[in-house]
Each structure stands twice: as C-alpha cells, then as structure tokens.
Amino acid sequence: MVKNLKNKIINTLEDIKAVDPVAINVRKISSLADFMVIASGTSKRHITAISEHIVEGLREDNISGIKIEGQAGDDWLLVDAGDVIIHLMSSEAREFYDLESLWDPEL
C-alpha cells in the first residue's frame, strides 16, 4: 500500500509539472516514514498549487492525518502523509539543502 501511495504521489507530481520529482526509500534509516519524496516548483504559487493538488488526491484516497508545514514560507513546503513525506522546494532551496544527498548519497 505504501508503494502505491508513493507511486500515486509521484504521478500526481508529474501531472502537475513539478520539477524533477525523486522518491527515496528511507525505511532502513528513519522511523519517521517509509519514503521521502522531493520535488521542485517554479514559483511560490506553483509550490502551493502542487501541495493543494497532492493533499486533494490524498484526501480522495481517504488518507487521514495529513499535515502541511511551511505554508508561510517562500521556498519550502512539507506535506506529511504519514508513511510518505513530500518536500516541495524552490530550486534554490533544493540545491542549498541537498536533501537527496543527505538521505541517499548515491543520488
């Protein structure tokens, strides 16, 4: 089920034109989630639209307990869907924080 959720999120990100979505399996290194998904948006408005679209899809699938952090910020928004955590970032923030290398050095 978690893999299906991750795949649905990746497909949704691709549909809404998120930039370079990546899914990282973090089961072995974190108890917070099974997957971490990272994607970029082209602007604050785009990042917000992506998060709204993701949350809408999660609610349609009866995923409860969804939390959103960073809505007041300009460059990083996090959607916590329980087993999958989605980081939506500006390209500048994504490059600066480099979460891909932090969580999976092979990326």
PDB file of N, CA and C in Angstrom:
ATOM      1  N   MET A   1       0.814  -1.201   0.000  1.00  0.00           N
ATOM      2  CA  MET A   1       0.000   0.000   0.000  1.00  0.00           C
ATOM      3  C   MET A   1       0.860   1.269   0.000  1.00  0.00           C
ATOM      4  N   VAL A   2       1.949   1.238   0.771  1.00  0.00           N
ATOM      5  CA  VAL A   2       2.820   2.421   0.834  1.00  0.00           C
ATOM      6  C   VAL A   2       3.442   2.691  -0.523  1.00  0.00           C
ATOM      7  N   LYS A   3       3.852   1.621  -1.232  1.00  0.00           N
ATOM      8  CA  LYS A   3       4.427   1.804  -2.564  1.00  0.00           C
ATOM      9  C   LYS A   3       3.408   2.408  -3.519  1.00  0.00           C
ATOM     10  N   ASN A   4       2.152   1.966  -3.399  1.00  0.00           N
ATOM     11  CA  ASN A   4       1.091   2.525  -4.235  1.00  0.00           C
ATOM     12  C   ASN A   4       0.902   4.013  -3.940  1.00  0.00           C
ATOM     13  N   LEU A   5       0.942   4.367  -2.661  1.00  0.00           N
ATOM     14  CA  LEU A   5       0.810   5.768  -2.268  1.00  0.00           C
ATOM     15  C   LEU A   5       1.961   6.590  -2.836  1.00  0.00           C
ATOM     16  N   LYS A   6       3.177   6.083  -2.695  1.00  0.00           N
ATOM     17  CA  LYS A   6       4.351   6.779  -3.230  1.00  0.00           C
ATOM     18  C   LYS A   6       4.228   6.958  -4.743  1.00  0.00           C
ATOM     19  N   ASN A   7       3.823   5.900  -5.437  1.00  0.00           N
ATOM     20  CA  ASN A   7       3.682   5.971  -6.895  1.00  0.00           C
ATOM     21  C   ASN A   7       2.603   6.965  -7.303  1.00  0.00           C
ATOM     22  N   LYS A   8       1.490   6.983  -6.559  1.00  0.00           N
ATOM     23  CA  LYS A   8       0.424   7.942  -6.864  1.00  0.00           C
ATOM     24  C   LYS A   8       0.924   9.374  -6.684  1.00  0.00           C
ATOM     25  N   ILE A   9       1.684   9.610  -5.625  1.00  0.00           N
ATOM     26  CA  ILE A   9       2.222  10.949  -5.379  1.00  0.00           C
ATOM     27  C   ILE A   9       3.178  11.351  -6.500  1.00  0.00           C
ATOM     28  N   ILE A  10       4.056  10.451  -6.899  1.00  0.00           N
ATOM     29  CA  ILE A  10       4.989  10.743  -7.999  1.00  0.00           C
ATOM     30  C   ILE A  10       4.207  11.050  -9.276  1.00  0.00           C
ATOM     31  N   ASN A  11       3.195  10.260  -9.587  1.00  0.00           N
ATOM     32  CA  ASN A  11       2.381  10.501 -10.789  1.00  0.00           C
ATOM     33  C   ASN A  11       1.675  11.853 -10.711  1.00  0.00           C
ATOM     34  N   THR A  12       1.156  12.187  -9.545  1.00  0.00           N
ATOM     35  CA  THR A  12       0.492  13.480  -9.361  1.00  0.00           C
ATOM     36  C   THR A  12       1.487  14.619  -9.567  1.00  0.00           C
ATOM     37  N   LEU A  13       2.683  14.472  -9.013  1.00  0.00           N
ATOM     38  CA  LEU A  13       3.716  15.499  -9.189  1.00  0.00           C
ATOM     39  C   LEU A  13       4.067  15.684 -10.665  1.00  0.00           C
ATOM     40  N   GLU A  14       4.175  14.579 -11.383  1.00  0.00           N
ATOM     41  CA  GLU A  14       4.477  14.660 -12.817  1.00  0.00           C
ATOM     42  C   GLU A  14       3.326  15.315 -13.578  1.00  0.00           C
ATOM     43  N   ASP A  15       2.085  14.975 -13.200  1.00  0.00           N
ATOM     44  CA  ASP A  15       0.917  15.546 -13.872  1.00  0.00           C
ATOM     45  C   ASP A  15       0.841  17.060 -13.706  1.00  0.00           C
ATOM     46  N   ILE A  16       1.220  17.565 -12.541  1.00  0.00           N
ATOM     47  CA  ILE A  16       1.102  18.995 -12.274  1.00  0.00           C
ATOM     48  C   ILE A  16       2.404  19.739 -12.613  1.00  0.00           C
ATOM     49  N   LYS A  17       3.311  19.032 -13.267  1.00  0.00           N
ATOM     50  CA  LYS A  17       4.555  19.625 -13.779  1.00  0.00           C
ATOM     51  C   LYS A  17       5.534  20.047 -12.686  1.00  0.00           C
ATOM     52  N   ALA A  18       5.587  19.275 -11.586  1.00  0.00           N
ATOM     53  CA  ALA A  18       6.634  19.501 -10.593  1.00  0.00           C
ATOM     54  C   ALA A  18       7.976  19.170 -11.248  1.00  0.00           C
ATOM     55  N   VAL A  19       9.019  19.836 -10.825  1.00  0.00           N
ATOM     56  CA  VAL A  19      10.333  19.682 -11.446  1.00  0.00           C
ATOM     57  C   VAL A  19      11.115  18.587 -10.724  1.00  0.00           C
ATOM     58  N   ASP A  20      11.593  17.610 -11.494  1.00  0.00           N
ATOM     59  CA  ASP A  20      12.467  16.538 -11.015  1.00  0.00           C
ATOM     60  C   ASP A  20      12.008  15.847  -9.733  1.00  0.00           C
ATOM     61  N   PRO A  21      10.826  15.239  -9.726  1.00  0.00           N
ATOM     62  CA  PRO A  21      10.415  14.515  -8.522  1.00  0.00           C
ATOM     63  C   PRO A  21      11.287  13.280  -8.305  1.00  0.00           C
ATOM     64  N   VAL A  22      11.669  13.064  -7.050  1.00  0.00           N
ATOM     65  CA  VAL A  22      12.521  11.934  -6.678  1.00  0.00           C
ATOM     66  C   VAL A  22      11.917  11.284  -5.437  1.00  0.00           C
ATOM     67  N   ALA A  23      11.872   9.959  -5.417  1.00  0.00           N
ATOM     68  CA  ALA A  23      11.415   9.222  -4.240  1.00  0.00           C
ATOM     69  C   ALA A  23      12.602   8.473  -3.656  1.00  0.00           C
ATOM     70  N   ILE A  24      12.780   8.592  -2.343  1.00  0.00           N
ATOM     71  CA  ILE A  24      13.880   7.947  -1.651  1.00  0.00           C
ATOM     72  C   ILE A  24      13.303   7.014  -0.593  1.00  0.00           C
ATOM     73  N   ASN A  25      13.725   5.762  -0.630  1.00  0.00           N
ATOM     74  CA  ASN A  25      13.301   4.791   0.369  1.00  0.00           C
ATOM     75  C   ASN A  25      14.136   5.029   1.626  1.00  0.00           C
ATOM     76  N   VAL A  26      13.479   5.436   2.712  1.00  0.00           N
ATOM     77  CA  VAL A  26      14.190   5.742   3.958  1.00  0.00           C
ATOM     78  C   VAL A  26      13.816   4.779   5.088  1.00  0.00           C
ATOM     79  N   ARG A  27      13.194   3.664   4.753  1.00  0.00           N
ATOM     80  CA  ARG A  27      12.759   2.690   5.761  1.00  0.00           C
ATOM     81  C   ARG A  27      13.891   2.249   6.682  1.00  0.00           C
ATOM     82  N   LYS A  28      15.053   1.988   6.109  1.00  0.00           N
ATOM     83  CA  LYS A  28      16.167   1.434   6.886  1.00  0.00           C
ATOM     84  C   LYS A  28      16.900   2.482   7.717  1.00  0.00           C
ATOM     85  N   ILE A  29      16.685   3.765   7.419  1.00  0.00           N
ATOM     86  CA  ILE A  29      17.455   4.795   8.126  1.00  0.00           C
ATOM     87  C   ILE A  29      16.597   5.762   8.927  1.00  0.00           C
ATOM     88  N   SER A  30      15.282   5.611   8.864  1.00  0.00           N
ATOM     89  CA  SER A  30      14.408   6.520   9.598  1.00  0.00           C
ATOM     90  C   SER A  30      13.126   5.819  10.022  1.00  0.00           C
ATOM     91  N   SER A  31      12.663   6.172  11.194  1.00  0.00           N
ATOM     92  CA  SER A  31      11.375   5.638  11.647  1.00  0.00           C
ATOM     93  C   SER A  31      10.242   6.633  11.369  1.00  0.00           C
ATOM     94  N   LEU A  32      10.579   7.777  10.794  1.00  0.00           N
ATOM     95  CA  LEU A  32       9.572   8.799  10.513  1.00  0.00           C
ATOM     96  C   LEU A  32       8.648   8.429   9.371  1.00  0.00           C
ATOM     97  N   ALA A  33       9.208   7.792   8.350  1.00  0.00           N
ATOM     98  CA  ALA A  33       8.426   7.480   7.154  1.00  0.00           C
ATOM     99  C   ALA A  33       9.104   6.351   6.399  1.00  0.00           C
ATOM    100  N   ASP A  34       8.397   5.811   5.416  1.00  0.00           N
ATOM    101  CA  ASP A  34       8.977   4.787   4.548  1.00  0.00           C
ATOM    102  C   ASP A  34       9.620   5.417   3.311  1.00  0.00           C
ATOM    103  N   PHE A  35       8.997   6.478   2.815  1.00  0.00           N
ATOM    104  CA  PHE A  35       9.527   7.163   1.636  1.00  0.00           C
ATOM    105  C   PHE A  35       9.551   8.664   1.852  1.00  0.00           C
ATOM    106  N   MET A  36      10.526   9.283   1.256  1.00  0.00           N
ATOM    107  CA  MET A  36      10.620  10.730   1.217  1.00  0.00           C
ATOM    108  C   MET A  36      10.596  11.121  -0.263  1.00  0.00           C
ATOM    109  N   VAL A  37       9.694  11.999  -0.617  1.00  0.00           N
ATOM    110  CA  VAL A  37       9.583  12.468  -1.993  1.00  0.00           C
ATOM    111  C   VAL A  37      10.005  13.929  -2.015  1.00  0.00           C
ATOM    112  N   ILE A  38      10.859  14.261  -2.975  1.00  0.00           N
ATOM    113  CA  ILE A  38      11.359  15.629  -3.103  1.00  0.00           C
ATOM    114  C   ILE A  38      11.075  16.101  -4.519  1.00  0.00           C
ATOM    115  N   ALA A  39      10.544  17.305  -4.643  1.00  0.00           N
ATOM    116  CA  ALA A  39      10.284  17.888  -5.957  1.00  0.00           C
ATOM    117  C   ALA A  39      10.415  19.402  -5.856  1.00  0.00           C
ATOM    118  N   SER A  40      10.635  20.027  -6.989  1.00  0.00           N
ATOM    119  CA  SER A  40      10.741  21.487  -7.027  1.00  0.00           C
ATOM    120  C   SER A  40       9.544  22.076  -7.752  1.00  0.00           C
ATOM    121  N   GLY A  41       9.269  23.323  -7.409  1.00  0.00           N
ATOM    122  CA  GLY A  41       8.261  24.101  -8.109  1.00  0.00           C
ATOM    123  C   GLY A  41       8.944  25.306  -8.731  1.00  0.00           C
ATOM    124  N   THR A  42       8.303  25.899  -9.703  1.00  0.00           N
ATOM    125  CA  THR A  42       8.925  27.016 -10.415  1.00  0.00           C
ATOM    126  C   THR A  42       8.706  28.362  -9.733  1.00  0.00           C
ATOM    127  N   SER A  43       7.780  28.402  -8.777  1.00  0.00           N
ATOM    128  CA  SER A  43       7.493  29.645  -8.043  1.00  0.00           C
ATOM    129  C   SER A  43       6.742  29.277  -6.760  1.00  0.00           C
ATOM    130  N   LYS A  44       6.583  30.237  -5.883  1.00  0.00           N
ATOM    131  CA  LYS A  44       5.817  30.028  -4.645  1.00  0.00           C
ATOM    132  C   LYS A  44       4.399  29.570  -4.991  1.00  0.00           C
ATOM    133  N   ARG A  45       3.806  30.221  -5.970  1.00  0.00           N
ATOM    134  CA  ARG A  45       2.446  29.883  -6.392  1.00  0.00           C
ATOM    135  C   ARG A  45       2.372  28.437  -6.909  1.00  0.00           C
ATOM    136  N   HIS A  46       3.377  28.033  -7.672  1.00  0.00           N
ATOM    137  CA  HIS A  46       3.423  26.668  -8.206  1.00  0.00           C
ATOM    138  C   HIS A  46       3.580  25.649  -7.074  1.00  0.00           C
ATOM    139  N   ILE A  47       4.459  25.931  -6.112  1.00  0.00           N
ATOM    140  CA  ILE A  47       4.663  25.040  -4.969  1.00  0.00           C
ATOM    141  C   ILE A  47       3.358  24.884  -4.188  1.00  0.00           C
ATOM    142  N   THR A  48       2.654  25.983  -3.974  1.00  0.00           N
ATOM    143  CA  THR A  48       1.372  25.942  -3.265  1.00  0.00           C
ATOM    144  C   THR A  48       0.347  25.126  -4.045  1.00  0.00           C
ATOM    145  N   ALA A  49       0.278  25.324  -5.352  1.00  0.00           N
ATOM    146  CA  ALA A  49      -0.663  24.570  -6.186  1.00  0.00           C
ATOM    147  C   ALA A  49      -0.344  23.075  -6.164  1.00  0.00           C
ATOM    148  N   ILE A  50       0.940  22.748  -6.187  1.00  0.00           N
ATOM    149  CA  ILE A  50       1.342  21.341  -6.123  1.00  0.00           C
ATOM    150  C   ILE A  50       0.867  20.734  -4.806  1.00  0.00           C
ATOM    151  N   SER A  51       1.103  21.443  -3.698  1.00  0.00           N
ATOM    152  CA  SER A  51       0.711  20.903  -2.383  1.00  0.00           C
ATOM    153  C   SER A  51      -0.800  20.718  -2.300  1.00  0.00           C
ATOM    154  N   GLU A  52      -1.556  21.678  -2.808  1.00  0.00           N
ATOM    155  CA  GLU A  52      -3.012  21.570  -2.780  1.00  0.00           C
ATOM    156  C   GLU A  52      -3.491  20.375  -3.588  1.00  0.00           C
ATOM    157  N   HIS A  53      -2.870  20.161  -4.734  1.00  0.00           N
ATOM    158  CA  HIS A  53      -3.238  19.043  -5.601  1.00  0.00           C
ATOM    159  C   HIS A  53      -2.900  17.704  -4.925  1.00  0.00           C
ATOM    160  N   ILE A  54      -1.742  17.643  -4.287  1.00  0.00           N
ATOM    161  CA  ILE A  54      -1.331  16.433  -3.573  1.00  0.00           C
ATOM    162  C   ILE A  54      -2.302  16.135  -2.428  1.00  0.00           C
ATOM    163  N   VAL A  55      -2.592  17.141  -1.623  1.00  0.00           N
ATOM    164  CA  VAL A  55      -3.488  16.962  -0.473  1.00  0.00           C
ATOM    165  C   VAL A  55      -4.879  16.532  -0.938  1.00  0.00           C
ATOM    166  N   GLU A  56      -5.371  17.137  -1.997  1.00  0.00           N
ATOM    167  CA  GLU A  56      -6.680  16.766  -2.542  1.00  0.00           C
ATOM    168  C   GLU A  56      -6.703  15.288  -2.936  1.00  0.00           C
ATOM    169  N   GLY A  57      -5.657  14.840  -3.616  1.00  0.00           N
ATOM    170  CA  GLY A  57      -5.576  13.435  -4.015  1.00  0.00           C
ATOM    171  C   GLY A  57      -5.479  12.499  -2.829  1.00  0.00           C
ATOM    172  N   LEU A  58      -4.721  12.900  -1.813  1.00  0.00           N
ATOM    173  CA  LEU A  58      -4.608  12.071  -0.609  1.00  0.00           C
ATOM    174  C   LEU A  58      -5.952  11.947   0.102  1.00  0.00           C
ATOM    175  N   ARG A  59      -6.664  13.042   0.184  1.00  0.00           N
ATOM    176  CA  ARG A  59      -7.982  13.012   0.843  1.00  0.00           C
ATOM    177  C   ARG A  59      -8.969  12.149   0.056  1.00  0.00           C
ATOM    178  N   GLU A  60      -8.887  12.185  -1.278  1.00  0.00           N
ATOM    179  CA  GLU A  60      -9.751  11.333  -2.103  1.00  0.00           C
ATOM    180  C   GLU A  60      -9.476   9.858  -1.834  1.00  0.00           C
ATOM    181  N   ASP A  61      -8.226   9.545  -1.467  1.00  0.00           N
ATOM    182  CA  ASP A  61      -7.849   8.170  -1.149  1.00  0.00           C
ATOM    183  C   ASP A  61      -8.023   7.844   0.329  1.00  0.00           C
ATOM    184  N   ASN A  62      -8.730   8.731   1.032  1.00  0.00           N
ATOM    185  CA  ASN A  62      -9.023   8.541   2.453  1.00  0.00           C
ATOM    186  C   ASN A  62      -7.782   8.428   3.332  1.00  0.00           C
ATOM    187  N   ILE A  63      -6.728   9.136   2.960  1.00  0.00           N
ATOM    188  CA  ILE A  63      -5.535   9.226   3.799  1.00  0.00           C
ATOM    189  C   ILE A  63      -5.823  10.299   4.840  1.00  0.00           C
ATOM    190  N   SER A  64      -5.750   9.906   6.106  1.00  0.00           N
ATOM    191  CA  SER A  64      -6.077  10.862   7.161  1.00  0.00           C
ATOM    192  C   SER A  64      -4.811  11.341   7.858  1.00  0.00           C
ATOM    193  N   GLY A  65      -4.951  12.384   8.644  1.00  0.00           N
ATOM    194  CA  GLY A  65      -3.833  12.902   9.418  1.00  0.00           C
ATOM    195  C   GLY A  65      -2.799  13.650   8.605  1.00  0.00           C
ATOM    196  N   ILE A  66      -3.183  14.162   7.460  1.00  0.00           N
ATOM    197  CA  ILE A  66      -2.255  14.899   6.602  1.00  0.00           C
ATOM    198  C   ILE A  66      -1.890  16.215   7.280  1.00  0.00           C
ATOM    199  N   LYS A  67      -0.610  16.493   7.310  1.00  0.00           N
ATOM    200  CA  LYS A  67      -0.137  17.747   7.901  1.00  0.00           C
ATOM    201  C   LYS A  67       0.676  18.512   6.871  1.00  0.00           C
ATOM    202  N   ILE A  68       0.560  19.837   6.912  1.00  0.00           N
ATOM    203  CA  ILE A  68       1.306  20.704   5.994  1.00  0.00           C
ATOM    204  C   ILE A  68       2.099  21.701   6.818  1.00  0.00           C
ATOM    205  N   GLU A  69       3.365  21.837   6.503  1.00  0.00           N
ATOM    206  CA  GLU A  69       4.239  22.785   7.192  1.00  0.00           C
ATOM    207  C   GLU A  69       4.881  23.707   6.161  1.00  0.00           C
ATOM    208  N   GLY A  70       5.101  24.949   6.549  1.00  0.00           N
ATOM    209  CA  GLY A  70       5.828  25.887   5.705  1.00  0.00           C
ATOM    210  C   GLY A  70       4.984  26.709   4.762  1.00  0.00           C
ATOM    211  N   GLN A  71       3.677  26.748   4.982  1.00  0.00           N
ATOM    212  CA  GLN A  71       2.817  27.495   4.068  1.00  0.00           C
ATOM    213  C   GLN A  71       3.113  28.990   4.063  1.00  0.00           C
ATOM    214  N   ALA A  72       3.685  29.496   5.142  1.00  0.00           N
ATOM    215  CA  ALA A  72       4.003  30.928   5.199  1.00  0.00           C
ATOM    216  C   ALA A  72       5.348  31.232   4.558  1.00  0.00           C
ATOM    217  N   GLY A  73       6.159  30.208   4.321  1.00  0.00           N
ATOM    218  CA  GLY A  73       7.485  30.413   3.743  1.00  0.00           C
ATOM    219  C   GLY A  73       7.437  30.579   2.242  1.00  0.00           C
ATOM    220  N   ASP A  74       8.582  30.916   1.700  1.00  0.00           N
ATOM    221  CA  ASP A  74       8.660  31.154   0.260  1.00  0.00           C
ATOM    222  C   ASP A  74       9.279  30.018  -0.534  1.00  0.00           C
ATOM    223  N   ASP A  75      10.062  29.152   0.132  1.00  0.00           N
ATOM    224  CA  ASP A  75      10.855  28.239  -0.678  1.00  0.00           C
ATOM    225  C   ASP A  75      10.813  26.770  -0.282  1.00  0.00           C
ATOM    226  N   TRP A  76      10.016  26.403   0.758  1.00  0.00           N
ATOM    227  CA  TRP A  76       9.984  25.006   1.161  1.00  0.00           C
ATOM    228  C   TRP A  76       8.659  24.715   1.831  1.00  0.00           C
ATOM    229  N   LEU A  77       7.961  23.729   1.334  1.00  0.00           N
ATOM    230  CA  LEU A  77       6.689  23.307   1.894  1.00  0.00           C
ATOM    231  C   LEU A  77       6.753  21.799   2.089  1.00  0.00           C
ATOM    232  N   LEU A  78       6.282  21.317   3.212  1.00  0.00           N
ATOM    233  CA  LEU A  78       6.329  19.893   3.520  1.00  0.00           C
ATOM    234  C   LEU A  78       4.904  19.379   3.709  1.00  0.00           C
ATOM    235  N   VAL A  79       4.608  18.269   3.069  1.00  0.00           N
ATOM    236  CA  VAL A  79       3.325  17.593   3.244  1.00  0.00           C
ATOM    237  C   VAL A  79       3.623  16.238   3.880  1.00  0.00           C
ATOM    238  N   ASP A  80       3.104  16.028   5.078  1.00  0.00           N
ATOM    239  CA  ASP A  80       3.316  14.785   5.807  1.00  0.00           C
ATOM    240  C   ASP A  80       2.087  13.909   5.613  1.00  0.00           C
ATOM    241  N   ALA A  81       2.265  12.829   4.866  1.00  0.00           N
ATOM    242  CA  ALA A  81       1.178  11.891   4.615  1.00  0.00           C
ATOM    243  C   ALA A  81       1.397  10.598   5.397  1.00  0.00           C
ATOM    244  N   GLY A  82       2.106  10.699   6.497  1.00  0.00           N
ATOM    245  CA  GLY A  82       2.361   9.522   7.324  1.00  0.00           C
ATOM    246  C   GLY A  82       3.544   8.727   6.817  1.00  0.00           C
ATOM    247  N   ASP A  83       3.285   7.722   6.014  1.00  0.00           N
ATOM    248  CA  ASP A  83       4.348   6.859   5.504  1.00  0.00           C
ATOM    249  C   ASP A  83       5.155   7.500   4.388  1.00  0.00           C
ATOM    250  N   VAL A  84       4.649   8.589   3.828  1.00  0.00           N
ATOM    251  CA  VAL A  84       5.355   9.309   2.770  1.00  0.00           C
ATOM    252  C   VAL A  84       5.389  10.793   3.141  1.00  0.00           C
ATOM    253  N   ILE A  85       6.589  11.354   3.144  1.00  0.00           N
ATOM    254  CA  ILE A  85       6.757  12.778   3.409  1.00  0.00           C
ATOM    255  C   ILE A  85       7.182  13.443   2.109  1.00  0.00           C
ATOM    256  N   ILE A  86       6.482  14.505   1.738  1.00  0.00           N
ATOM    257  CA  ILE A  86       6.739  15.196   0.472  1.00  0.00           C
ATOM    258  C   ILE A  86       7.341  16.561   0.757  1.00  0.00           C
ATOM    259  N   HIS A  87       8.528  16.803   0.207  1.00  0.00           N
ATOM    260  CA  HIS A  87       9.199  18.099   0.309  1.00  0.00           C
ATOM    261  C   HIS A  87       9.031  18.807  -1.029  1.00  0.00           C
ATOM    262  N   LEU A  88       8.399  19.964  -1.019  1.00  0.00           N
ATOM    263  CA  LEU A  88       8.225  20.776  -2.218  1.00  0.00           C
ATOM    264  C   LEU A  88       9.057  22.031  -2.028  1.00  0.00           C
ATOM    265  N   MET A  89      10.029  22.240  -2.903  1.00  0.00           N
ATOM    266  CA  MET A  89      11.022  23.282  -2.675  1.00  0.00           C
ATOM    267  C   MET A  89      11.258  24.112  -3.933  1.00  0.00           C
ATOM    268  N   SER A  90      11.718  25.337  -3.715  1.00  0.00           N
ATOM    269  CA  SER A  90      12.221  26.114  -4.843  1.00  0.00           C
ATOM    270  C   SER A  90      13.519  25.449  -5.290  1.00  0.00           C
ATOM    271  N   SER A  91      13.933  25.681  -6.502  1.00  0.00           N
ATOM    272  CA  SER A  91      15.176  25.062  -6.977  1.00  0.00           C
ATOM    273  C   SER A  91      16.374  25.544  -6.169  1.00  0.00           C
ATOM    274  N   GLU A  92      16.329  26.800  -5.722  1.00  0.00           N
ATOM    275  CA  GLU A  92      17.431  27.341  -4.924  1.00  0.00           C
ATOM    276  C   GLU A  92      17.526  26.629  -3.573  1.00  0.00           C
ATOM    277  N   ALA A  93      16.391  26.453  -2.901  1.00  0.00           N
ATOM    278  CA  ALA A  93      16.375  25.765  -1.608  1.00  0.00           C
ATOM    279  C   ALA A  93      16.769  24.307  -1.779  1.00  0.00           C
ATOM    280  N   ARG A  94      16.304  23.695  -2.838  1.00  0.00           N
ATOM    281  CA  ARG A  94      16.636  22.284  -3.072  1.00  0.00           C
ATOM    282  C   ARG A  94      18.133  22.102  -3.275  1.00  0.00           C
ATOM    283  N   GLU A  95      18.723  22.991  -4.024  1.00  0.00           N
ATOM    284  CA  GLU A  95      20.170  22.921  -4.242  1.00  0.00           C
ATOM    285  C   GLU A  95      20.931  23.197  -2.938  1.00  0.00           C
ATOM    286  N   PHE A  96      20.487  24.179  -2.178  1.00  0.00           N
ATOM    287  CA  PHE A  96      21.167  24.557  -0.943  1.00  0.00           C
ATOM    288  C   PHE A  96      21.111  23.447   0.109  1.00  0.00           C
ATOM    289  N   TYR A  97      19.918  22.896   0.366  1.00  0.00           N
ATOM    290  CA  TYR A  97      19.758  21.891   1.414  1.00  0.00           C
ATOM    291  C   TYR A  97      20.166  20.486   0.952  1.00  0.00           C
ATOM    292  N   ASP A  98      20.096  20.219  -0.340  1.00  0.00           N
ATOM    293  CA  ASP A  98      20.560  18.971  -0.943  1.00  0.00           C
ATOM    294  C   ASP A  98      20.096  17.739  -0.174  1.00  0.00           C
ATOM    295  N   LEU A  99      18.786  17.648   0.049  1.00  0.00           N
ATOM    296  CA  LEU A  99      18.218  16.526   0.801  1.00  0.00           C
ATOM    297  C   LEU A  99      18.484  15.180   0.141  1.00  0.00           C
ATOM    298  N   GLU A 100      18.548  15.166  -1.178  1.00  0.00           N
ATOM    299  CA  GLU A 100      18.814  13.911  -1.873  1.00  0.00           C
ATOM    300  C   GLU A 100      20.128  13.291  -1.390  1.00  0.00           C
ATOM    301  N   SER A 101      21.189  14.072  -1.346  1.00  0.00           N
ATOM    302  CA  SER A 101      22.489  13.561  -0.899  1.00  0.00           C
ATOM    303  C   SER A 101      22.493  13.222   0.585  1.00  0.00           C
ATOM    304  N   LEU A 102      21.738  13.980   1.361  1.00  0.00           N
ATOM    305  CA  LEU A 102      21.657  13.725   2.797  1.00  0.00           C
ATOM    306  C   LEU A 102      21.012  12.368   3.084  1.00  0.00           C
ATOM    307  N   TRP A 103      19.916  12.076   2.385  1.00  0.00           N
ATOM    308  CA  TRP A 103      19.167  10.852   2.643  1.00  0.00           C
ATOM    309  C   TRP A 103      19.593   9.672   1.780  1.00  0.00           C
ATOM    310  N   ASP A 104      20.208   9.930   0.633  1.00  0.00           N
ATOM    311  CA  ASP A 104      20.679   8.849  -0.238  1.00  0.00           C
ATOM    312  C   ASP A 104      21.929   9.337  -0.980  1.00  0.00           C
ATOM    313  N   PRO A 105      23.104   9.089  -0.426  1.00  0.00           N
ATOM    314  CA  PRO A 105      24.342   9.593  -1.007  1.00  0.00           C
ATOM    315  C   PRO A 105      24.592   9.141  -2.450  1.00  0.00           C
ATOM    316  N   GLU A 106      23.908   8.084  -2.890  1.00  0.00           N
ATOM    317  CA  GLU A 106      24.092   7.609  -4.258  1.00  0.00           C
ATOM    318  C   GLU A 106      23.393   8.483  -5.288  1.00  0.00           C
ATOM    319  N   LEU A 107      22.511   9.373  -4.847  1.00  0.00           N
ATOM    320  CA  LEU A 107      21.793  10.228  -5.803  1.00  0.00           C
ATOM    321  C   LEU A 107      22.668  11.351  -6.240  1.00  0.00           C
TER     322      LEU A 107
END
